[in-house]
N, C-alpha and C. Protein backbone atom coordinates (compact mmCIF):
# COMPACT_ATOMS: atom_id res chain seq x y z
N MET A 1 22.68 -27.92 12.20
CA MET A 1 21.51 -28.12 11.36
C MET A 1 20.55 -29.13 11.98
N LEU A 2 21.12 -30.25 12.49
CA LEU A 2 20.29 -31.26 13.12
C LEU A 2 19.56 -30.69 14.33
N ASN A 3 20.27 -29.88 15.12
CA ASN A 3 19.63 -29.27 16.29
C ASN A 3 18.48 -28.36 15.90
N LYS A 4 18.65 -27.62 14.79
CA LYS A 4 17.59 -26.74 14.32
C LYS A 4 16.38 -27.54 13.89
N ARG A 5 16.59 -28.65 13.14
CA ARG A 5 15.47 -29.48 12.70
C ARG A 5 14.77 -30.12 13.89
N LEU A 6 15.54 -30.54 14.88
CA LEU A 6 14.95 -31.14 16.07
C LEU A 6 14.10 -30.12 16.82
N ALA A 7 14.59 -28.88 16.93
CA ALA A 7 13.83 -27.83 17.62
C ALA A 7 12.52 -27.56 16.91
N VAL A 8 12.55 -27.52 15.57
CA VAL A 8 11.32 -27.29 14.80
C VAL A 8 10.37 -28.46 15.00
N ALA A 9 10.88 -29.69 14.94
CA ALA A 9 10.03 -30.87 15.12
C ALA A 9 9.39 -30.88 16.49
N LEU A 10 10.15 -30.52 17.51
CA LEU A 10 9.59 -30.50 18.86
C LEU A 10 8.53 -29.42 19.00
N THR A 11 8.77 -28.27 18.37
CA THR A 11 7.77 -27.19 18.43
C THR A 11 6.47 -27.62 17.78
N VAL A 12 6.56 -28.22 16.58
CA VAL A 12 5.36 -28.63 15.87
C VAL A 12 4.67 -29.77 16.59
N SER A 13 5.43 -30.75 17.10
CA SER A 13 4.78 -31.85 17.81
C SER A 13 4.10 -31.36 19.07
N GLY A 14 4.60 -30.27 19.64
CA GLY A 14 3.98 -29.71 20.84
C GLY A 14 2.68 -29.00 20.58
N LEU A 15 2.34 -28.77 19.30
CA LEU A 15 1.10 -28.07 18.99
C LEU A 15 -0.11 -28.81 19.53
N LEU A 16 -0.11 -30.16 19.47
CA LEU A 16 -1.25 -30.93 19.93
C LEU A 16 -1.03 -31.54 21.31
N VAL A 17 0.19 -31.46 21.82
CA VAL A 17 0.45 -32.07 23.12
C VAL A 17 -0.29 -31.32 24.20
N GLY A 18 -0.43 -30.03 24.05
CA GLY A 18 -1.20 -29.28 25.03
C GLY A 18 -1.20 -27.82 24.72
N ALA A 19 -2.19 -27.12 25.24
CA ALA A 19 -2.29 -25.69 25.04
C ALA A 19 -1.74 -25.01 26.27
N THR A 20 -0.48 -25.30 26.60
CA THR A 20 0.07 -24.79 27.84
C THR A 20 0.10 -23.28 27.86
N ALA A 21 0.26 -22.66 26.69
CA ALA A 21 0.25 -21.21 26.66
C ALA A 21 -1.12 -20.68 27.04
N CYS A 22 -2.15 -21.49 26.85
CA CYS A 22 -3.52 -21.09 27.16
C CYS A 22 -3.89 -21.40 28.60
N GLY A 23 -3.13 -22.24 29.23
CA GLY A 23 -3.53 -22.69 30.55
C GLY A 23 -4.64 -23.72 30.47
N ALA A 24 -4.86 -24.28 29.28
CA ALA A 24 -5.91 -25.28 29.11
C ALA A 24 -5.37 -26.64 29.51
N PRO A 25 -6.26 -27.58 29.77
CA PRO A 25 -5.80 -28.92 30.11
C PRO A 25 -4.94 -29.51 29.01
N ALA A 26 -3.97 -30.31 29.38
CA ALA A 26 -3.10 -30.93 28.39
C ALA A 26 -3.92 -31.85 27.50
N GLN A 27 -3.53 -31.91 26.25
CA GLN A 27 -4.21 -32.75 25.28
C GLN A 27 -3.17 -33.53 24.51
N THR A 28 -3.36 -34.79 24.39
CA THR A 28 -2.38 -35.61 23.70
C THR A 28 -2.67 -35.68 22.22
N ALA A 29 -1.63 -35.97 21.47
CA ALA A 29 -1.78 -36.12 20.03
C ALA A 29 -2.59 -37.37 19.74
N PRO A 30 -3.26 -37.44 18.59
CA PRO A 30 -4.02 -38.62 18.24
C PRO A 30 -3.12 -39.86 18.26
N ALA A 31 -3.67 -40.98 18.71
CA ALA A 31 -2.88 -42.21 18.83
C ALA A 31 -2.50 -42.77 17.47
N SER A 32 -3.37 -42.63 16.49
CA SER A 32 -3.08 -43.14 15.17
C SER A 32 -2.44 -42.05 14.33
N ALA A 33 -2.06 -42.41 13.12
CA ALA A 33 -1.47 -41.42 12.23
C ALA A 33 -2.52 -40.52 11.62
N THR A 34 -3.79 -40.84 11.81
CA THR A 34 -4.87 -40.03 11.26
C THR A 34 -5.36 -39.05 12.30
N PRO A 35 -5.43 -37.73 11.98
CA PRO A 35 -5.93 -36.76 12.93
C PRO A 35 -7.35 -37.09 13.37
N SER A 36 -7.72 -36.62 14.54
CA SER A 36 -9.05 -36.94 15.07
C SER A 36 -10.10 -36.08 14.40
N ALA A 37 -10.37 -36.40 13.16
CA ALA A 37 -11.27 -35.58 12.35
C ALA A 37 -12.68 -36.16 12.32
N THR A 38 -12.99 -37.11 13.19
CA THR A 38 -14.30 -37.74 13.16
C THR A 38 -15.14 -37.36 14.38
N THR A 39 -14.86 -36.20 14.95
CA THR A 39 -15.53 -35.81 16.18
C THR A 39 -16.84 -35.07 15.93
N ALA A 40 -17.13 -34.67 14.71
CA ALA A 40 -18.35 -33.93 14.44
C ALA A 40 -19.56 -34.83 14.65
N ALA A 41 -20.68 -34.24 15.09
CA ALA A 41 -21.86 -35.02 15.46
C ALA A 41 -22.64 -35.52 14.25
N ALA A 42 -22.55 -34.83 13.12
CA ALA A 42 -23.38 -35.19 11.98
C ALA A 42 -22.55 -35.23 10.71
N ALA A 43 -22.98 -36.06 9.77
CA ALA A 43 -22.26 -36.20 8.51
C ALA A 43 -22.14 -34.86 7.81
N GLY A 44 -20.98 -34.61 7.26
CA GLY A 44 -20.71 -33.38 6.54
C GLY A 44 -20.09 -32.30 7.38
N TRP A 45 -20.20 -32.43 8.71
CA TRP A 45 -19.62 -31.42 9.60
C TRP A 45 -18.24 -31.83 10.10
N GLU A 46 -17.78 -33.03 9.71
CA GLU A 46 -16.48 -33.48 10.15
C GLU A 46 -15.39 -32.56 9.61
N LEU A 47 -14.25 -32.56 10.27
CA LEU A 47 -13.10 -31.83 9.78
C LEU A 47 -12.28 -32.76 8.91
N ASP A 48 -12.07 -32.38 7.67
CA ASP A 48 -11.21 -33.15 6.76
C ASP A 48 -9.80 -32.59 6.89
N PRO A 49 -8.86 -33.36 7.45
CA PRO A 49 -7.52 -32.82 7.66
C PRO A 49 -6.75 -32.55 6.36
N ALA A 50 -7.16 -33.21 5.27
CA ALA A 50 -6.49 -32.96 4.00
C ALA A 50 -6.66 -31.50 3.61
N ALA A 51 -5.62 -30.91 3.14
CA ALA A 51 -5.62 -29.51 2.69
C ALA A 51 -5.92 -28.54 3.82
N GLY A 52 -5.63 -28.94 5.06
CA GLY A 52 -5.82 -28.02 6.17
C GLY A 52 -5.03 -26.74 5.99
N GLY A 53 -3.80 -26.87 5.50
CA GLY A 53 -2.97 -25.70 5.25
C GLY A 53 -3.57 -24.80 4.18
N ASP A 54 -4.14 -25.41 3.14
CA ASP A 54 -4.78 -24.62 2.09
C ASP A 54 -5.99 -23.86 2.63
N ARG A 55 -6.76 -24.50 3.52
CA ARG A 55 -7.92 -23.82 4.10
C ARG A 55 -7.48 -22.66 5.02
N ILE A 56 -6.38 -22.85 5.74
CA ILE A 56 -5.85 -21.75 6.56
C ILE A 56 -5.52 -20.56 5.66
N LYS A 57 -4.85 -20.83 4.55
CA LYS A 57 -4.48 -19.75 3.62
C LYS A 57 -5.72 -19.13 2.99
N ALA A 58 -6.74 -19.95 2.68
CA ALA A 58 -7.99 -19.43 2.10
C ALA A 58 -8.69 -18.49 3.07
N ALA A 59 -8.46 -18.70 4.36
CA ALA A 59 -9.04 -17.83 5.39
C ALA A 59 -8.23 -16.55 5.56
N GLY A 60 -7.17 -16.40 4.78
CA GLY A 60 -6.34 -15.20 4.86
C GLY A 60 -5.35 -15.23 6.00
N LEU A 61 -5.02 -16.43 6.47
CA LEU A 61 -4.12 -16.57 7.61
C LEU A 61 -2.86 -17.31 7.19
N ASP A 62 -1.84 -17.20 8.03
CA ASP A 62 -0.57 -17.88 7.77
C ASP A 62 -0.52 -19.21 8.50
N VAL A 63 0.20 -20.16 7.91
CA VAL A 63 0.50 -21.41 8.58
C VAL A 63 1.77 -21.18 9.40
N LEU A 64 1.64 -21.26 10.72
CA LEU A 64 2.73 -20.97 11.65
C LEU A 64 3.34 -22.28 12.16
N THR A 65 4.53 -22.19 12.74
CA THR A 65 5.15 -23.37 13.34
C THR A 65 4.88 -23.45 14.84
N ALA A 66 4.27 -22.42 15.40
CA ALA A 66 3.92 -22.41 16.83
C ALA A 66 2.83 -21.38 17.06
N GLU A 67 2.12 -21.52 18.17
CA GLU A 67 1.10 -20.53 18.52
C GLU A 67 1.76 -19.18 18.76
N GLY A 68 1.10 -18.11 18.32
CA GLY A 68 1.62 -16.77 18.53
C GLY A 68 1.42 -16.31 19.96
N THR A 69 2.17 -15.31 20.35
CA THR A 69 2.09 -14.80 21.73
C THR A 69 1.79 -13.31 21.81
N ALA A 70 1.73 -12.61 20.68
CA ALA A 70 1.48 -11.17 20.72
C ALA A 70 0.02 -10.85 21.04
N GLU A 71 -0.89 -11.73 20.66
CA GLU A 71 -2.33 -11.59 20.91
C GLU A 71 -2.82 -12.93 21.41
N HIS A 72 -3.58 -12.92 22.51
CA HIS A 72 -3.99 -14.21 23.09
C HIS A 72 -5.33 -14.04 23.81
N TYR A 73 -6.38 -14.60 23.21
CA TYR A 73 -7.69 -14.59 23.85
C TYR A 73 -8.53 -15.72 23.27
N HIS A 74 -9.74 -15.89 23.78
CA HIS A 74 -10.58 -17.02 23.39
C HIS A 74 -12.03 -16.57 23.23
N ALA A 75 -12.72 -17.20 22.28
CA ALA A 75 -14.16 -17.03 22.10
C ALA A 75 -14.76 -18.43 22.07
N HIS A 76 -16.08 -18.50 22.14
CA HIS A 76 -16.74 -19.81 22.09
C HIS A 76 -17.81 -19.78 21.01
N VAL A 77 -17.88 -20.86 20.23
CA VAL A 77 -18.85 -20.95 19.13
C VAL A 77 -19.74 -22.16 19.33
N ASP A 78 -21.05 -21.94 19.25
CA ASP A 78 -22.04 -23.01 19.18
C ASP A 78 -22.66 -22.98 17.80
N VAL A 79 -22.83 -24.14 17.18
CA VAL A 79 -23.51 -24.25 15.89
C VAL A 79 -24.77 -25.07 16.11
N LEU A 80 -25.91 -24.51 15.70
CA LEU A 80 -27.21 -25.16 15.91
C LEU A 80 -27.94 -25.28 14.58
N VAL A 81 -28.43 -26.48 14.29
CA VAL A 81 -29.27 -26.70 13.10
C VAL A 81 -30.62 -27.18 13.60
N ASN A 82 -31.65 -26.37 13.36
CA ASN A 82 -32.99 -26.64 13.89
C ASN A 82 -32.94 -26.90 15.39
N GLY A 83 -32.13 -26.10 16.06
CA GLY A 83 -32.03 -26.16 17.51
C GLY A 83 -31.13 -27.26 18.05
N LYS A 84 -30.63 -28.13 17.16
CA LYS A 84 -29.78 -29.24 17.59
C LYS A 84 -28.31 -28.88 17.41
N PRO A 85 -27.49 -29.18 18.40
CA PRO A 85 -26.08 -28.78 18.32
C PRO A 85 -25.28 -29.62 17.33
N VAL A 86 -24.35 -28.97 16.68
CA VAL A 86 -23.36 -29.61 15.82
C VAL A 86 -22.02 -29.46 16.54
N THR A 87 -21.27 -30.55 16.65
CA THR A 87 -19.98 -30.49 17.33
C THR A 87 -18.98 -29.70 16.50
N VAL A 88 -18.34 -28.74 17.13
CA VAL A 88 -17.25 -28.01 16.50
C VAL A 88 -16.00 -28.88 16.69
N PRO A 89 -15.40 -29.34 15.60
CA PRO A 89 -14.32 -30.32 15.75
C PRO A 89 -13.04 -29.77 16.35
N ALA A 90 -12.26 -30.68 16.90
CA ALA A 90 -10.89 -30.36 17.30
C ALA A 90 -10.04 -30.18 16.05
N GLU A 91 -8.96 -29.45 16.21
CA GLU A 91 -7.92 -29.31 15.19
C GLU A 91 -8.30 -28.46 13.99
N ILE A 92 -9.34 -27.64 14.11
CA ILE A 92 -9.57 -26.61 13.10
C ILE A 92 -8.35 -25.69 13.15
N GLY A 93 -7.85 -25.30 11.98
CA GLY A 93 -6.70 -24.39 11.95
C GLY A 93 -5.36 -25.07 12.08
N PHE A 94 -5.33 -26.40 11.88
CA PHE A 94 -4.07 -27.14 11.85
C PHE A 94 -3.82 -27.64 10.44
N SER A 95 -2.56 -27.75 10.08
CA SER A 95 -2.19 -28.44 8.85
C SER A 95 -1.47 -29.72 9.24
N PHE A 96 -1.56 -30.71 8.36
CA PHE A 96 -1.00 -32.03 8.64
C PHE A 96 -0.15 -32.50 7.48
N GLY A 97 0.91 -33.25 7.82
CA GLY A 97 1.76 -33.84 6.81
C GLY A 97 1.19 -35.14 6.28
N ALA A 98 1.88 -35.73 5.34
CA ALA A 98 1.44 -37.00 4.75
C ALA A 98 1.38 -38.11 5.78
N ASP A 99 2.14 -37.96 6.88
CA ASP A 99 2.13 -38.97 7.94
C ASP A 99 0.98 -38.78 8.92
N GLY A 100 0.14 -37.77 8.68
CA GLY A 100 -1.00 -37.51 9.56
C GLY A 100 -0.66 -36.72 10.80
N GLN A 101 0.59 -36.30 10.92
CA GLN A 101 1.00 -35.54 12.10
C GLN A 101 0.92 -34.04 11.81
N PRO A 102 0.64 -33.22 12.84
CA PRO A 102 0.55 -31.79 12.62
C PRO A 102 1.89 -31.20 12.21
N ASN A 103 1.84 -30.30 11.23
CA ASN A 103 3.06 -29.63 10.81
C ASN A 103 2.89 -28.12 10.74
N GLY A 104 1.76 -27.62 11.21
CA GLY A 104 1.52 -26.19 11.22
C GLY A 104 0.23 -25.85 11.93
N ILE A 105 0.09 -24.59 12.28
CA ILE A 105 -1.09 -24.11 13.02
C ILE A 105 -1.35 -22.67 12.62
N SER A 106 -2.59 -22.26 12.67
CA SER A 106 -2.92 -20.87 12.39
C SER A 106 -3.14 -20.12 13.70
N ALA A 107 -3.21 -18.82 13.61
CA ALA A 107 -3.46 -18.00 14.80
C ALA A 107 -4.86 -18.24 15.34
N LEU A 108 -5.74 -18.84 14.55
CA LEU A 108 -7.14 -19.07 14.89
C LEU A 108 -7.39 -20.57 14.80
N HIS A 109 -7.63 -21.24 15.94
CA HIS A 109 -7.68 -22.70 15.92
C HIS A 109 -8.47 -23.26 17.10
N THR A 110 -8.75 -24.57 17.03
CA THR A 110 -9.36 -25.29 18.14
C THR A 110 -8.43 -26.42 18.55
N HIS A 111 -8.46 -26.74 19.84
CA HIS A 111 -7.67 -27.88 20.33
C HIS A 111 -8.56 -29.09 20.62
N ASP A 112 -9.85 -28.85 20.88
CA ASP A 112 -10.74 -29.94 21.27
C ASP A 112 -12.14 -29.66 20.72
N THR A 113 -13.13 -30.42 21.17
CA THR A 113 -14.50 -30.29 20.65
C THR A 113 -15.39 -29.44 21.55
N SER A 114 -14.80 -28.62 22.39
CA SER A 114 -15.58 -27.79 23.31
C SER A 114 -16.24 -26.60 22.62
N GLY A 115 -15.78 -26.24 21.42
CA GLY A 115 -16.26 -25.03 20.76
C GLY A 115 -15.44 -23.80 21.11
N VAL A 116 -14.43 -23.95 21.97
CA VAL A 116 -13.56 -22.83 22.31
C VAL A 116 -12.63 -22.57 21.13
N ILE A 117 -12.65 -21.33 20.66
CA ILE A 117 -11.77 -20.90 19.58
C ILE A 117 -10.60 -20.16 20.22
N HIS A 118 -9.41 -20.62 19.90
CA HIS A 118 -8.19 -20.01 20.43
C HIS A 118 -7.66 -19.00 19.42
N ILE A 119 -7.42 -17.79 19.87
CA ILE A 119 -6.78 -16.78 19.04
C ILE A 119 -5.43 -16.52 19.69
N GLU A 120 -4.39 -17.04 19.06
CA GLU A 120 -3.03 -16.90 19.56
C GLU A 120 -2.17 -16.47 18.39
N ALA A 121 -2.02 -15.16 18.26
CA ALA A 121 -1.46 -14.58 17.05
C ALA A 121 -0.07 -13.99 17.28
N PRO A 122 0.77 -14.02 16.24
CA PRO A 122 2.09 -13.42 16.35
C PRO A 122 2.09 -11.90 16.19
N THR A 123 0.95 -11.35 15.77
CA THR A 123 0.82 -9.91 15.57
C THR A 123 -0.39 -9.41 16.35
N ALA A 124 -0.22 -8.36 17.12
CA ALA A 124 -1.32 -7.80 17.92
C ALA A 124 -2.20 -6.89 17.07
N GLY A 125 -3.48 -6.79 17.46
CA GLY A 125 -4.38 -5.81 16.88
C GLY A 125 -5.15 -6.24 15.64
N LEU A 126 -4.95 -7.46 15.16
CA LEU A 126 -5.69 -7.91 13.98
C LEU A 126 -7.07 -8.43 14.40
N LYS A 127 -8.03 -8.39 13.47
CA LYS A 127 -9.37 -8.90 13.74
C LYS A 127 -9.51 -10.29 13.14
N TYR A 128 -10.22 -11.15 13.87
CA TYR A 128 -10.49 -12.51 13.41
C TYR A 128 -11.99 -12.71 13.41
N THR A 129 -12.49 -13.41 12.39
CA THR A 129 -13.93 -13.50 12.19
C THR A 129 -14.45 -14.94 12.20
N LEU A 130 -15.75 -15.04 12.39
CA LEU A 130 -16.42 -16.34 12.30
C LEU A 130 -16.23 -16.93 10.90
N GLY A 131 -16.23 -16.08 9.89
CA GLY A 131 -16.02 -16.54 8.52
C GLY A 131 -14.68 -17.24 8.34
N GLN A 132 -13.66 -16.77 9.03
CA GLN A 132 -12.35 -17.42 8.95
C GLN A 132 -12.38 -18.80 9.60
N VAL A 133 -13.10 -18.92 10.71
CA VAL A 133 -13.26 -20.23 11.35
C VAL A 133 -13.95 -21.19 10.40
N LEU A 134 -15.01 -20.73 9.74
CA LEU A 134 -15.76 -21.58 8.81
C LEU A 134 -14.88 -22.00 7.63
N LYS A 135 -14.05 -21.09 7.13
CA LYS A 135 -13.12 -21.43 6.03
C LYS A 135 -12.14 -22.50 6.46
N GLU A 136 -11.57 -22.32 7.65
CA GLU A 136 -10.60 -23.30 8.15
C GLU A 136 -11.27 -24.65 8.42
N TRP A 137 -12.51 -24.61 8.85
CA TRP A 137 -13.28 -25.84 9.10
C TRP A 137 -13.65 -26.50 7.77
N GLY A 138 -13.91 -25.67 6.74
CA GLY A 138 -14.29 -26.19 5.43
C GLY A 138 -15.78 -26.43 5.30
N VAL A 139 -16.60 -25.62 5.99
CA VAL A 139 -18.05 -25.78 5.94
C VAL A 139 -18.72 -24.48 5.48
N LEU A 140 -20.00 -24.61 5.12
CA LEU A 140 -20.83 -23.51 4.63
C LEU A 140 -20.18 -22.82 3.44
N ASP A 141 -19.69 -23.66 2.52
CA ASP A 141 -18.97 -23.14 1.36
C ASP A 141 -19.82 -23.04 0.10
N GLY A 142 -21.13 -23.31 0.22
CA GLY A 142 -22.03 -23.06 -0.90
C GLY A 142 -22.07 -24.12 -1.97
N SER A 143 -21.69 -25.36 -1.66
CA SER A 143 -21.69 -26.39 -2.70
C SER A 143 -22.72 -27.48 -2.48
N ASP A 144 -23.70 -27.22 -1.64
CA ASP A 144 -24.72 -28.23 -1.33
C ASP A 144 -26.04 -27.53 -1.08
N SER A 145 -27.03 -28.26 -0.60
CA SER A 145 -28.36 -27.70 -0.40
C SER A 145 -28.39 -26.75 0.80
N THR A 146 -29.38 -25.88 0.80
CA THR A 146 -29.54 -24.88 1.85
C THR A 146 -29.61 -25.54 3.22
N GLY A 147 -28.85 -24.99 4.13
CA GLY A 147 -28.87 -25.48 5.51
C GLY A 147 -27.97 -26.67 5.76
N ALA A 148 -27.42 -27.26 4.69
CA ALA A 148 -26.53 -28.42 4.83
C ALA A 148 -25.12 -27.92 5.18
N PRO A 149 -24.25 -28.81 5.61
CA PRO A 149 -22.90 -28.38 5.98
C PRO A 149 -22.16 -27.61 4.89
N HIS A 150 -22.52 -27.87 3.63
CA HIS A 150 -21.84 -27.17 2.54
C HIS A 150 -22.82 -26.36 1.71
N GLY A 151 -23.83 -25.83 2.37
CA GLY A 151 -24.88 -25.11 1.65
C GLY A 151 -24.74 -23.61 1.61
N GLY A 152 -23.61 -23.06 2.04
CA GLY A 152 -23.47 -21.62 2.06
C GLY A 152 -24.07 -21.03 3.33
N THR A 153 -23.97 -19.73 3.46
CA THR A 153 -24.39 -19.07 4.70
C THR A 153 -25.78 -18.45 4.63
N GLY A 154 -26.47 -18.60 3.50
CA GLY A 154 -27.83 -18.08 3.40
C GLY A 154 -28.75 -18.76 4.40
N GLY A 155 -29.55 -17.98 5.11
CA GLY A 155 -30.49 -18.53 6.07
C GLY A 155 -29.91 -18.74 7.47
N TRP A 156 -28.62 -18.54 7.61
CA TRP A 156 -27.98 -18.67 8.92
C TRP A 156 -28.04 -17.35 9.67
N THR A 157 -28.15 -17.42 10.97
CA THR A 157 -28.19 -16.24 11.83
C THR A 157 -27.11 -16.37 12.89
N ALA A 158 -26.45 -15.26 13.19
CA ALA A 158 -25.44 -15.25 14.25
C ALA A 158 -25.93 -14.41 15.43
N TYR A 159 -25.63 -14.90 16.61
CA TYR A 159 -25.90 -14.19 17.86
C TYR A 159 -24.57 -14.05 18.60
N VAL A 160 -24.34 -12.91 19.18
CA VAL A 160 -23.14 -12.71 20.01
C VAL A 160 -23.60 -12.30 21.39
N ASN A 161 -23.24 -13.10 22.36
CA ASN A 161 -23.63 -12.86 23.76
C ASN A 161 -25.14 -12.68 23.89
N GLY A 162 -25.89 -13.45 23.07
CA GLY A 162 -27.34 -13.45 23.13
C GLY A 162 -28.01 -12.46 22.21
N ALA A 163 -27.25 -11.55 21.59
CA ALA A 163 -27.83 -10.50 20.73
C ALA A 163 -27.72 -10.90 19.26
N LYS A 164 -28.86 -10.87 18.55
CA LYS A 164 -28.87 -11.18 17.12
C LYS A 164 -28.04 -10.15 16.37
N GLN A 165 -27.22 -10.63 15.44
CA GLN A 165 -26.35 -9.74 14.67
C GLN A 165 -26.98 -9.39 13.33
N SER A 166 -26.76 -8.16 12.88
CA SER A 166 -27.35 -7.71 11.61
C SER A 166 -26.37 -7.86 10.45
N VAL A 167 -25.13 -8.19 10.73
CA VAL A 167 -24.13 -8.34 9.67
C VAL A 167 -24.15 -9.79 9.15
N PRO A 168 -23.61 -10.03 7.95
CA PRO A 168 -23.49 -11.42 7.50
C PRO A 168 -22.72 -12.24 8.53
N VAL A 169 -23.10 -13.52 8.67
CA VAL A 169 -22.47 -14.35 9.71
C VAL A 169 -20.96 -14.42 9.54
N THR A 170 -20.49 -14.36 8.32
CA THR A 170 -19.04 -14.45 8.09
C THR A 170 -18.30 -13.22 8.61
N ASP A 171 -19.01 -12.10 8.80
CA ASP A 171 -18.37 -10.85 9.23
C ASP A 171 -18.34 -10.68 10.74
N VAL A 172 -18.92 -11.61 11.49
CA VAL A 172 -18.92 -11.49 12.95
C VAL A 172 -17.49 -11.56 13.46
N VAL A 173 -17.07 -10.52 14.17
CA VAL A 173 -15.71 -10.45 14.70
C VAL A 173 -15.67 -11.15 16.05
N LEU A 174 -14.67 -12.00 16.23
CA LEU A 174 -14.49 -12.73 17.49
C LEU A 174 -13.74 -11.87 18.49
N LYS A 175 -14.31 -11.73 19.68
CA LYS A 175 -13.66 -10.95 20.74
C LYS A 175 -13.52 -11.81 21.98
N ALA A 176 -12.69 -11.36 22.88
CA ALA A 176 -12.39 -12.14 24.09
C ALA A 176 -13.66 -12.49 24.85
N HIS A 177 -13.83 -13.77 25.11
CA HIS A 177 -14.91 -14.35 25.90
C HIS A 177 -16.30 -14.14 25.30
N ASP A 178 -16.37 -13.87 24.00
CA ASP A 178 -17.66 -13.83 23.32
C ASP A 178 -18.25 -15.23 23.27
N GLU A 179 -19.58 -15.29 23.40
CA GLU A 179 -20.33 -16.51 23.12
C GLU A 179 -21.03 -16.28 21.79
N VAL A 180 -20.60 -16.98 20.75
CA VAL A 180 -21.12 -16.81 19.40
C VAL A 180 -21.98 -18.03 19.06
N VAL A 181 -23.22 -17.77 18.65
CA VAL A 181 -24.12 -18.85 18.24
C VAL A 181 -24.41 -18.67 16.76
N LEU A 182 -24.19 -19.73 16.00
CA LEU A 182 -24.50 -19.77 14.58
C LEU A 182 -25.68 -20.71 14.43
N SER A 183 -26.82 -20.19 13.99
CA SER A 183 -28.06 -20.97 14.00
C SER A 183 -28.72 -20.98 12.63
N TYR A 184 -29.30 -22.16 12.29
CA TYR A 184 -30.05 -22.31 11.06
C TYR A 184 -31.37 -22.99 11.36
N GLY A 185 -32.43 -22.58 10.66
CA GLY A 185 -33.73 -23.24 10.81
C GLY A 185 -34.42 -22.81 12.07
N SER A 186 -35.10 -23.75 12.72
CA SER A 186 -35.86 -23.43 13.94
C SER A 186 -34.93 -22.84 14.98
N ALA A 187 -35.30 -21.68 15.46
CA ALA A 187 -34.47 -21.00 16.46
C ALA A 187 -34.50 -21.78 17.76
N PRO A 188 -33.38 -21.80 18.48
CA PRO A 188 -33.38 -22.47 19.79
C PRO A 188 -34.33 -21.76 20.74
N SER A 189 -34.90 -22.49 21.67
CA SER A 189 -35.84 -21.87 22.62
C SER A 189 -35.16 -20.79 23.44
N ALA A 190 -33.90 -21.00 23.75
CA ALA A 190 -33.12 -19.98 24.45
C ALA A 190 -31.73 -19.94 23.83
N VAL A 191 -31.37 -18.78 23.30
CA VAL A 191 -30.05 -18.62 22.69
C VAL A 191 -29.03 -18.42 23.81
N PRO A 192 -27.99 -19.26 23.86
CA PRO A 192 -26.98 -19.07 24.90
C PRO A 192 -26.38 -17.67 24.83
N GLY A 193 -26.31 -17.00 25.97
CA GLY A 193 -25.79 -15.64 26.01
C GLY A 193 -24.39 -15.54 26.59
N SER A 194 -23.90 -16.66 27.13
CA SER A 194 -22.55 -16.66 27.70
C SER A 194 -22.03 -18.09 27.72
N TYR A 195 -20.74 -18.21 28.01
CA TYR A 195 -20.11 -19.52 28.10
C TYR A 195 -19.17 -19.51 29.31
N ALA A 196 -19.19 -20.58 30.06
CA ALA A 196 -18.33 -20.68 31.25
C ALA A 196 -16.96 -21.18 30.81
N PHE A 197 -16.07 -20.26 30.51
CA PHE A 197 -14.72 -20.63 30.09
C PHE A 197 -13.97 -21.26 31.25
N PRO A 198 -13.20 -22.30 30.97
CA PRO A 198 -12.38 -22.91 32.04
C PRO A 198 -11.41 -21.90 32.61
N ALA A 199 -10.99 -22.10 33.84
CA ALA A 199 -10.02 -21.22 34.47
C ALA A 199 -8.77 -21.16 33.61
N GLY A 200 -8.25 -19.97 33.43
CA GLY A 200 -7.04 -19.77 32.63
C GLY A 200 -7.29 -19.42 31.20
N LEU A 201 -8.54 -19.52 30.74
CA LEU A 201 -8.84 -19.15 29.35
C LEU A 201 -9.48 -17.79 29.29
């Protein structure tokens, strides 16, 4: 029994130690007991680690004990408000215990603030959407003024690989190596059409 608990603890602690399955650079766990939820550039866009597991479930996803291996690809998301970038926080799609340490992960998550979305699922062939990322992040939930972090998705536009999308932003499906731009207000002078993924992603 002790060996089983130790194996589970090591698996969960390894969630933040590095994305070795992704071939991404190693990343260490936060030094303090509080997750690094203060990486967002503007107030209201921060990731609140409380209820991370509940947000994963609200996105229609399961809280897993390890990254899945049946499906594995990456997309990139940029969020722009009046042409200015908003940092996509690290640790979207993680759940945390009372001690502030990770105790679960979803198939759809971030490891850092690069905007790279990791899709590492235990089941192949499922679709993952921008709306699920937003649910896990806890933003654009319709409880604040238009265009604010919690103002809902009205007025937002999504671009995929430089092409404006006609579907609601929440319905944009994430595909391998897509560059997804979520924009509000003044359009950027040039919408990014691609992203230079690091080697191995």
